[in-house]
Amino acid sequence: MITSIDFQNLTEDLKSYVLLNNGQHVAERTYGIYSIQLYAVYGFFVEVYYLPGSDEIDQIVAVNSSEILDLYLDNINITDIYM
């Protein structure tokens, strides 16, 4: 298992590999020109910045701020929990 700091120090290719094999998609949001996907992996969160239309990843960043996570709250569906 790796920490968010270890993850951030990986190459972009290794970050993608870790997310593909161990990450769980949590939510998404739009910011400017980006479609940003939020993943949970190894007890921390990671944002993946996509350029829509090209399906290219611009950056992959470990999230260390609850302020960033707050941006996703309106997009997370929890209705299954209460049914």
PDB file of N, CA and C in Angstrom:
ATOM      1  N   MET A   1       0.848  -1.183   0.000  1.00  0.00           N
ATOM      2  CA  MET A   1       0.000   0.000   0.000  1.00  0.00           C
ATOM      3  C   MET A   1       0.894   1.246   0.000  1.00  0.00           C
ATOM      4  N   ILE A   2       0.415   2.303  -0.650  1.00  0.00           N
ATOM      5  CA  ILE A   2       1.199   3.527  -0.739  1.00  0.00           C
ATOM      6  C   ILE A   2       0.416   4.692  -0.128  1.00  0.00           C
ATOM      7  N   THR A   3       1.116   5.732   0.229  1.00  0.00           N
ATOM      8  CA  THR A   3       0.486   6.935   0.762  1.00  0.00           C
ATOM      9  C   THR A   3       0.197   7.900  -0.379  1.00  0.00           C
ATOM     10  N   SER A   4      -0.545   8.959  -0.066  1.00  0.00           N
ATOM     11  CA  SER A   4      -0.837   9.965  -1.094  1.00  0.00           C
ATOM     12  C   SER A   4       0.439  10.659  -1.562  1.00  0.00           C
ATOM     13  N   ILE A   5       1.404  10.815  -0.669  1.00  0.00           N
ATOM     14  CA  ILE A   5       2.682  11.435  -1.044  1.00  0.00           C
ATOM     15  C   ILE A   5       3.456  10.516  -1.983  1.00  0.00           C
ATOM     16  N   ASP A   6       3.494   9.212  -1.658  1.00  0.00           N
ATOM     17  CA  ASP A   6       4.142   8.247  -2.547  1.00  0.00           C
ATOM     18  C   ASP A   6       3.475   8.268  -3.917  1.00  0.00           C
ATOM     19  N   PHE A   7       2.129   8.280  -3.917  1.00  0.00           N
ATOM     20  CA  PHE A   7       1.379   8.285  -5.160  1.00  0.00           C
ATOM     21  C   PHE A   7       1.729   9.504  -5.998  1.00  0.00           C
ATOM     22  N   GLN A   8       1.777  10.670  -5.368  1.00  0.00           N
ATOM     23  CA  GLN A   8       2.041  11.912  -6.088  1.00  0.00           C
ATOM     24  C   GLN A   8       3.422  11.911  -6.731  1.00  0.00           C
ATOM     25  N   ASN A   9       4.350  11.140  -6.171  1.00  0.00           N
ATOM     26  CA  ASN A   9       5.711  11.087  -6.704  1.00  0.00           C
ATOM     27  C   ASN A   9       5.879  10.072  -7.839  1.00  0.00           C
ATOM     28  N   LEU A  10       4.823   9.307  -8.152  1.00  0.00           N
ATOM     29  CA  LEU A  10       4.874   8.352  -9.252  1.00  0.00           C
ATOM     30  C   LEU A  10       4.797   9.085 -10.596  1.00  0.00           C
ATOM     31  N   THR A  11       5.219   8.413 -11.645  1.00  0.00           N
ATOM     32  CA  THR A  11       5.042   8.961 -12.990  1.00  0.00           C
ATOM     33  C   THR A  11       3.550   8.924 -13.334  1.00  0.00           C
ATOM     34  N   GLU A  12       3.149   9.680 -14.329  1.00  0.00           N
ATOM     35  CA  GLU A  12       1.744   9.691 -14.751  1.00  0.00           C
ATOM     36  C   GLU A  12       1.291   8.301 -15.188  1.00  0.00           C
ATOM     37  N   ASP A  13       2.160   7.564 -15.864  1.00  0.00           N
ATOM     38  CA  ASP A  13       1.810   6.211 -16.297  1.00  0.00           C
ATOM     39  C   ASP A  13       1.556   5.289 -15.102  1.00  0.00           C
ATOM     40  N   LEU A  14       2.411   5.370 -14.075  1.00  0.00           N
ATOM     41  CA  LEU A  14       2.213   4.541 -12.892  1.00  0.00           C
ATOM     42  C   LEU A  14       0.977   4.955 -12.104  1.00  0.00           C
ATOM     43  N   LYS A  15       0.702   6.258 -12.046  1.00  0.00           N
ATOM     44  CA  LYS A  15      -0.525   6.719 -11.385  1.00  0.00           C
ATOM     45  C   LYS A  15      -1.744   6.127 -12.084  1.00  0.00           C
ATOM     46  N   SER A  16      -1.744   6.157 -13.404  1.00  0.00           N
ATOM     47  CA  SER A  16      -2.853   5.587 -14.174  1.00  0.00           C
ATOM     48  C   SER A  16      -3.000   4.097 -13.901  1.00  0.00           C
ATOM     49  N   TYR A  17      -1.887   3.398 -13.853  1.00  0.00           N
ATOM     50  CA  TYR A  17      -1.896   1.957 -13.585  1.00  0.00           C
ATOM     51  C   TYR A  17      -2.494   1.659 -12.212  1.00  0.00           C
ATOM     52  N   VAL A  18      -2.065   2.400 -11.203  1.00  0.00           N
ATOM     53  CA  VAL A  18      -2.566   2.196  -9.837  1.00  0.00           C
ATOM     54  C   VAL A  18      -4.074   2.440  -9.791  1.00  0.00           C
ATOM     55  N   LEU A  19      -4.541   3.518 -10.414  1.00  0.00           N
ATOM     56  CA  LEU A  19      -5.973   3.814 -10.406  1.00  0.00           C
ATOM     57  C   LEU A  19      -6.774   2.771 -11.159  1.00  0.00           C
ATOM     58  N   LEU A  20      -6.265   2.332 -12.287  1.00  0.00           N
ATOM     59  CA  LEU A  20      -6.964   1.334 -13.093  1.00  0.00           C
ATOM     60  C   LEU A  20      -7.118   0.016 -12.343  1.00  0.00           C
ATOM     61  N   ASN A  21      -6.088  -0.373 -11.612  1.00  0.00           N
ATOM     62  CA  ASN A  21      -6.087  -1.668 -10.942  1.00  0.00           C
ATOM     63  C   ASN A  21      -6.577  -1.639  -9.502  1.00  0.00           C
ATOM     64  N   ASN A  22      -6.554  -0.487  -8.846  1.00  0.00           N
ATOM     65  CA  ASN A  22      -6.895  -0.435  -7.433  1.00  0.00           C
ATOM     66  C   ASN A  22      -7.880   0.667  -7.056  1.00  0.00           C
ATOM     67  N   GLY A  23      -8.169   1.567  -7.984  1.00  0.00           N
ATOM     68  CA  GLY A  23      -9.022   2.711  -7.680  1.00  0.00           C
ATOM     69  C   GLY A  23     -10.505   2.405  -7.826  1.00  0.00           C
ATOM     70  N   GLN A  24     -11.292   3.148  -7.079  1.00  0.00           N
ATOM     71  CA  GLN A  24     -12.755   3.054  -7.141  1.00  0.00           C
ATOM     72  C   GLN A  24     -13.281   4.438  -7.531  1.00  0.00           C
ATOM     73  N   HIS A  25     -14.014   4.514  -8.647  1.00  0.00           N
ATOM     74  CA  HIS A  25     -14.582   5.789  -9.081  1.00  0.00           C
ATOM     75  C   HIS A  25     -15.642   6.218  -8.077  1.00  0.00           C
ATOM     76  N   VAL A  26     -15.573   7.477  -7.639  1.00  0.00           N
ATOM     77  CA  VAL A  26     -16.488   7.984  -6.617  1.00  0.00           C
ATOM     78  C   VAL A  26     -17.457   9.005  -7.190  1.00  0.00           C
ATOM     79  N   ALA A  27     -16.948   9.969  -7.932  1.00  0.00           N
ATOM     80  CA  ALA A  27     -17.797  11.057  -8.426  1.00  0.00           C
ATOM     81  C   ALA A  27     -17.084  11.787  -9.552  1.00  0.00           C
ATOM     82  N   GLU A  28     -17.802  12.757 -10.135  1.00  0.00           N
ATOM     83  CA  GLU A  28     -17.199  13.588 -11.170  1.00  0.00           C
ATOM     84  C   GLU A  28     -17.751  14.993 -11.074  1.00  0.00           C
ATOM     85  N   ARG A  29     -16.997  15.917 -11.639  1.00  0.00           N
ATOM     86  CA  ARG A  29     -17.418  17.313 -11.696  1.00  0.00           C
ATOM     87  C   ARG A  29     -16.785  17.950 -12.922  1.00  0.00           C
ATOM     88  N   THR A  30     -17.285  19.106 -13.275  1.00  0.00           N
ATOM     89  CA  THR A  30     -16.737  19.868 -14.385  1.00  0.00           C
ATOM     90  C   THR A  30     -16.140  21.151 -13.834  1.00  0.00           C
ATOM     91  N   TYR A  31     -14.978  21.498 -14.332  1.00  0.00           N
ATOM     92  CA  TYR A  31     -14.324  22.749 -13.954  1.00  0.00           C
ATOM     93  C   TYR A  31     -13.633  23.302 -15.183  1.00  0.00           C
ATOM     94  N   GLY A  32     -14.110  24.453 -15.632  1.00  0.00           N
ATOM     95  CA  GLY A  32     -13.541  25.051 -16.845  1.00  0.00           C
ATOM     96  C   GLY A  32     -13.644  24.095 -18.008  1.00  0.00           C
ATOM     97  N   ILE A  33     -12.518  23.801 -18.624  1.00  0.00           N
ATOM     98  CA  ILE A  33     -12.502  22.906 -19.782  1.00  0.00           C
ATOM     99  C   ILE A  33     -12.367  21.437 -19.375  1.00  0.00           C
ATOM    100  N   TYR A  34     -12.248  21.146 -18.082  1.00  0.00           N
ATOM    101  CA  TYR A  34     -11.952  19.797 -17.624  1.00  0.00           C
ATOM    102  C   TYR A  34     -13.183  19.040 -17.135  1.00  0.00           C
ATOM    103  N   SER A  35     -13.160  17.758 -17.384  1.00  0.00           N
ATOM    104  CA  SER A  35     -14.033  16.806 -16.710  1.00  0.00           C
ATOM    105  C   SER A  35     -13.141  16.149 -15.669  1.00  0.00           C
ATOM    106  N   ILE A  36     -13.466  16.345 -14.393  1.00  0.00           N
ATOM    107  CA  ILE A  36     -12.609  15.849 -13.325  1.00  0.00           C
ATOM    108  C   ILE A  36     -13.285  14.665 -12.646  1.00  0.00           C
ATOM    109  N   GLN A  37     -12.578  13.547 -12.626  1.00  0.00           N
ATOM    110  CA  GLN A  37     -13.080  12.318 -12.027  1.00  0.00           C
ATOM    111  C   GLN A  37     -12.401  12.124 -10.676  1.00  0.00           C
ATOM    112  N   LEU A  38     -13.198  11.772  -9.664  1.00  0.00           N
ATOM    113  CA  LEU A  38     -12.663  11.535  -8.319  1.00  0.00           C
ATOM    114  C   LEU A  38     -12.619  10.030  -8.065  1.00  0.00           C
ATOM    115  N   TYR A  39     -11.464   9.551  -7.621  1.00  0.00           N
ATOM    116  CA  TYR A  39     -11.259   8.140  -7.302  1.00  0.00           C
ATOM    117  C   TYR A  39     -10.797   7.998  -5.856  1.00  0.00           C
ATOM    118  N   ALA A  40     -11.167   6.888  -5.244  1.00  0.00           N
ATOM    119  CA  ALA A  40     -10.641   6.505  -3.934  1.00  0.00           C
ATOM    120  C   ALA A  40      -9.658   5.366  -4.168  1.00  0.00           C
ATOM    121  N   VAL A  41      -8.504   5.460  -3.535  1.00  0.00           N
ATOM    122  CA  VAL A  41      -7.486   4.410  -3.660  1.00  0.00           C
ATOM    123  C   VAL A  41      -6.616   4.424  -2.408  1.00  0.00           C
ATOM    124  N   TYR A  42      -6.434   3.275  -1.803  1.00  0.00           N
ATOM    125  CA  TYR A  42      -5.552   3.123  -0.639  1.00  0.00           C
ATOM    126  C   TYR A  42      -5.828   4.119   0.494  1.00  0.00           C
ATOM    127  N   GLY A  43      -7.082   4.501   0.680  1.00  0.00           N
ATOM    128  CA  GLY A  43      -7.432   5.377   1.801  1.00  0.00           C
ATOM    129  C   GLY A  43      -7.280   6.863   1.540  1.00  0.00           C
ATOM    130  N   PHE A  44      -7.037   7.252   0.319  1.00  0.00           N
ATOM    131  CA  PHE A  44      -7.000   8.676  -0.026  1.00  0.00           C
ATOM    132  C   PHE A  44      -7.719   8.864  -1.351  1.00  0.00           C
ATOM    133  N   PHE A  45      -7.894  10.119  -1.755  1.00  0.00           N
ATOM    134  CA  PHE A  45      -8.622  10.445  -2.981  1.00  0.00           C
ATOM    135  C   PHE A  45      -7.683  11.023  -4.029  1.00  0.00           C
ATOM    136  N   VAL A  46      -8.060  10.795  -5.286  1.00  0.00           N
ATOM    137  CA  VAL A  46      -7.262  11.268  -6.422  1.00  0.00           C
ATOM    138  C   VAL A  46      -8.205  11.892  -7.443  1.00  0.00           C
ATOM    139  N   GLU A  47      -7.819  13.043  -7.977  1.00  0.00           N
ATOM    140  CA  GLU A  47      -8.562  13.667  -9.066  1.00  0.00           C
ATOM    141  C   GLU A  47      -7.823  13.425 -10.377  1.00  0.00           C
ATOM    142  N   VAL A  48      -8.608  13.049 -11.405  1.00  0.00           N
ATOM    143  CA  VAL A  48      -8.060  12.863 -12.747  1.00  0.00           C
ATOM    144  C   VAL A  48      -8.707  13.907 -13.642  1.00  0.00           C
ATOM    145  N   TYR A  49      -7.896  14.771 -14.223  1.00  0.00           N
ATOM    146  CA  TYR A  49      -8.361  15.856 -15.085  1.00  0.00           C
ATOM    147  C   TYR A  49      -8.327  15.390 -16.540  1.00  0.00           C
ATOM    148  N   TYR A  50      -9.524  15.245 -17.138  1.00  0.00           N
ATOM    149  CA  TYR A  50      -9.659  14.843 -18.536  1.00  0.00           C
ATOM    150  C   TYR A  50      -9.992  16.049 -19.396  1.00  0.00           C
ATOM    151  N   LEU A  51      -9.514  16.025 -20.630  1.00  0.00           N
ATOM    152  CA  LEU A  51      -9.920  17.010 -21.623  1.00  0.00           C
ATOM    153  C   LEU A  51     -11.023  16.367 -22.452  1.00  0.00           C
ATOM    154  N   PRO A  52     -12.280  16.807 -22.265  1.00  0.00           N
ATOM    155  CA  PRO A  52     -13.399  16.192 -22.979  1.00  0.00           C
ATOM    156  C   PRO A  52     -13.205  16.255 -24.495  1.00  0.00           C
ATOM    157  N   GLY A  53     -13.722  15.244 -25.158  1.00  0.00           N
ATOM    158  CA  GLY A  53     -13.601  15.188 -26.609  1.00  0.00           C
ATOM    159  C   GLY A  53     -12.334  14.508 -27.071  1.00  0.00           C
ATOM    160  N   SER A  54     -11.292  14.585 -26.279  1.00  0.00           N
ATOM    161  CA  SER A  54     -10.038  13.952 -26.669  1.00  0.00           C
ATOM    162  C   SER A  54      -9.735  12.731 -25.806  1.00  0.00           C
ATOM    163  N   ASP A  55     -10.425  12.610 -24.678  1.00  0.00           N
ATOM    164  CA  ASP A  55     -10.189  11.532 -23.716  1.00  0.00           C
ATOM    165  C   ASP A  55      -8.739  11.470 -23.257  1.00  0.00           C
ATOM    166  N   GLU A  56      -8.049  12.588 -23.321  1.00  0.00           N
ATOM    167  CA  GLU A  56      -6.675  12.652 -22.844  1.00  0.00           C
ATOM    168  C   GLU A  56      -6.654  13.109 -21.401  1.00  0.00           C
ATOM    169  N   ILE A  57      -5.786  12.491 -20.620  1.00  0.00           N
ATOM    170  CA  ILE A  57      -5.599  12.906 -19.232  1.00  0.00           C
ATOM    171  C   ILE A  57      -4.587  14.032 -19.206  1.00  0.00           C
ATOM    172  N   ASP A  58      -4.973  15.140 -18.568  1.00  0.00           N
ATOM    173  CA  ASP A  58      -4.065  16.274 -18.450  1.00  0.00           C
ATOM    174  C   ASP A  58      -3.212  16.156 -17.191  1.00  0.00           C
ATOM    175  N   GLN A  59      -3.844  15.726 -16.086  1.00  0.00           N
ATOM    176  CA  GLN A  59      -3.086  15.552 -14.854  1.00  0.00           C
ATOM    177  C   GLN A  59      -3.822  14.623 -13.896  1.00  0.00           C
ATOM    178  N   ILE A  60      -3.050  14.026 -12.994  1.00  0.00           N
ATOM    179  CA  ILE A  60      -3.575  13.154 -11.956  1.00  0.00           C
ATOM    180  C   ILE A  60      -2.990  13.651 -10.642  1.00  0.00           C
ATOM    181  N   VAL A  61      -3.874  14.018  -9.701  1.00  0.00           N
ATOM    182  CA  VAL A  61      -3.427  14.686  -8.487  1.00  0.00           C
ATOM    183  C   VAL A  61      -4.060  14.056  -7.260  1.00  0.00           C
ATOM    184  N   ALA A  62      -3.239  13.696  -6.262  1.00  0.00           N
ATOM    185  CA  ALA A  62      -3.757  13.235  -4.981  1.00  0.00           C
ATOM    186  C   ALA A  62      -4.389  14.426  -4.267  1.00  0.00           C
ATOM    187  N   VAL A  63      -5.567  14.208  -3.671  1.00  0.00           N
ATOM    188  CA  VAL A  63      -6.317  15.276  -3.008  1.00  0.00           C
ATOM    189  C   VAL A  63      -6.056  15.218  -1.512  1.00  0.00           C
ATOM    190  N   ASN A  64      -5.591  16.333  -0.969  1.00  0.00           N
ATOM    191  CA  ASN A  64      -5.294  16.398   0.461  1.00  0.00           C
ATOM    192  C   ASN A  64      -6.133  17.449   1.182  1.00  0.00           C
ATOM    193  N   SER A  65      -7.191  17.902   0.544  1.00  0.00           N
ATOM    194  CA  SER A  65      -7.983  18.985   1.112  1.00  0.00           C
ATOM    195  C   SER A  65      -9.462  18.627   1.144  1.00  0.00           C
ATOM    196  N   SER A  66     -10.083  18.805   2.300  1.00  0.00           N
ATOM    197  CA  SER A  66     -11.523  18.548   2.391  1.00  0.00           C
ATOM    198  C   SER A  66     -12.307  19.575   1.581  1.00  0.00           C
ATOM    199  N   GLU A  67     -11.723  20.746   1.319  1.00  0.00           N
ATOM    200  CA  GLU A  67     -12.396  21.757   0.506  1.00  0.00           C
ATOM    201  C   GLU A  67     -12.613  21.244  -0.915  1.00  0.00           C
ATOM    202  N   ILE A  68     -11.656  20.501  -1.444  1.00  0.00           N
ATOM    203  CA  ILE A  68     -11.811  19.906  -2.773  1.00  0.00           C
ATOM    204  C   ILE A  68     -12.915  18.862  -2.736  1.00  0.00           C
ATOM    205  N   LEU A  69     -12.926  18.030  -1.716  1.00  0.00           N
ATOM    206  CA  LEU A  69     -13.942  16.983  -1.618  1.00  0.00           C
ATOM    207  C   LEU A  69     -15.342  17.575  -1.501  1.00  0.00           C
ATOM    208  N   ASP A  70     -15.471  18.722  -0.859  1.00  0.00           N
ATOM    209  CA  ASP A  70     -16.773  19.391  -0.733  1.00  0.00           C
ATOM    210  C   ASP A  70     -17.379  19.715  -2.098  1.00  0.00           C
ATOM    211  N   LEU A  71     -16.541  19.924  -3.107  1.00  0.00           N
ATOM    212  CA  LEU A  71     -17.027  20.244  -4.445  1.00  0.00           C
ATOM    213  C   LEU A  71     -17.822  19.092  -5.066  1.00  0.00           C
ATOM    214  N   TYR A  72     -17.658  17.894  -4.537  1.00  0.00           N
ATOM    215  CA  TYR A  72     -18.323  16.711  -5.085  1.00  0.00           C
ATOM    216  C   TYR A  72     -19.614  16.349  -4.354  1.00  0.00           C
ATOM    217  N   LEU A  73     -19.875  16.954  -3.217  1.00  0.00           N
ATOM    218  CA  LEU A  73     -20.995  16.524  -2.375  1.00  0.00           C
ATOM    219  C   LEU A  73     -22.336  16.532  -3.092  1.00  0.00           C
ATOM    220  N   ASP A  74     -22.601  17.521  -3.903  1.00  0.00           N
ATOM    221  CA  ASP A  74     -23.885  17.596  -4.606  1.00  0.00           C
ATOM    222  C   ASP A  74     -24.019  16.534  -5.691  1.00  0.00           C
ATOM    223  N   ASN A  75     -22.922  15.925  -6.105  1.00  0.00           N
ATOM    224  CA  ASN A  75     -22.943  14.954  -7.194  1.00  0.00           C
ATOM    225  C   ASN A  75     -22.946  13.505  -6.728  1.00  0.00           C
ATOM    226  N   ILE A  76     -22.889  13.275  -5.421  1.00  0.00           N
ATOM    227  CA  ILE A  76     -22.858  11.912  -4.907  1.00  0.00           C
ATOM    228  C   ILE A  76     -24.257  11.473  -4.541  1.00  0.00           C
ATOM    229  N   ASN A  77     -24.715  10.396  -5.147  1.00  0.00           N
ATOM    230  CA  ASN A  77     -26.053   9.871  -4.924  1.00  0.00           C
ATOM    231  C   ASN A  77     -26.018   8.840  -3.801  1.00  0.00           C
ATOM    232  N   ILE A  78     -26.728   9.134  -2.698  1.00  0.00           N
ATOM    233  CA  ILE A  78     -26.765   8.221  -1.566  1.00  0.00           C
ATOM    234  C   ILE A  78     -28.159   7.645  -1.336  1.00  0.00           C
ATOM    235  N   THR A  79     -29.037   7.754  -2.313  1.00  0.00           N
ATOM    236  CA  THR A  79     -30.417   7.272  -2.123  1.00  0.00           C
ATOM    237  C   THR A  79     -30.466   5.778  -1.867  1.00  0.00           C
ATOM    238  N   ASP A  80     -29.539   5.003  -2.417  1.00  0.00           N
ATOM    239  CA  ASP A  80     -29.540   3.549  -2.180  1.00  0.00           C
ATOM    240  C   ASP A  80     -29.323   3.212  -0.715  1.00  0.00           C
ATOM    241  N   ILE A  81     -28.685   4.067   0.015  1.00  0.00           N
ATOM    242  CA  ILE A  81     -28.418   3.822   1.429  1.00  0.00           C
ATOM    243  C   ILE A  81     -29.721   3.830   2.224  1.00  0.00           C
ATOM    244  N   TYR A  82     -30.659   4.642   1.835  1.00  0.00           N
ATOM    245  CA  TYR A  82     -31.888   4.820   2.599  1.00  0.00           C
ATOM    246  C   TYR A  82     -33.035   3.962   2.089  1.00  0.00           C
ATOM    247  N   MET A  83     -32.831   3.128   1.113  1.00  0.00           N
ATOM    248  CA  MET A  83     -33.911   2.295   0.557  1.00  0.00           C
ATOM    249  C   MET A  83     -33.855   0.899   1.098  1.00  0.00           C
TER     250      MET A  83
END
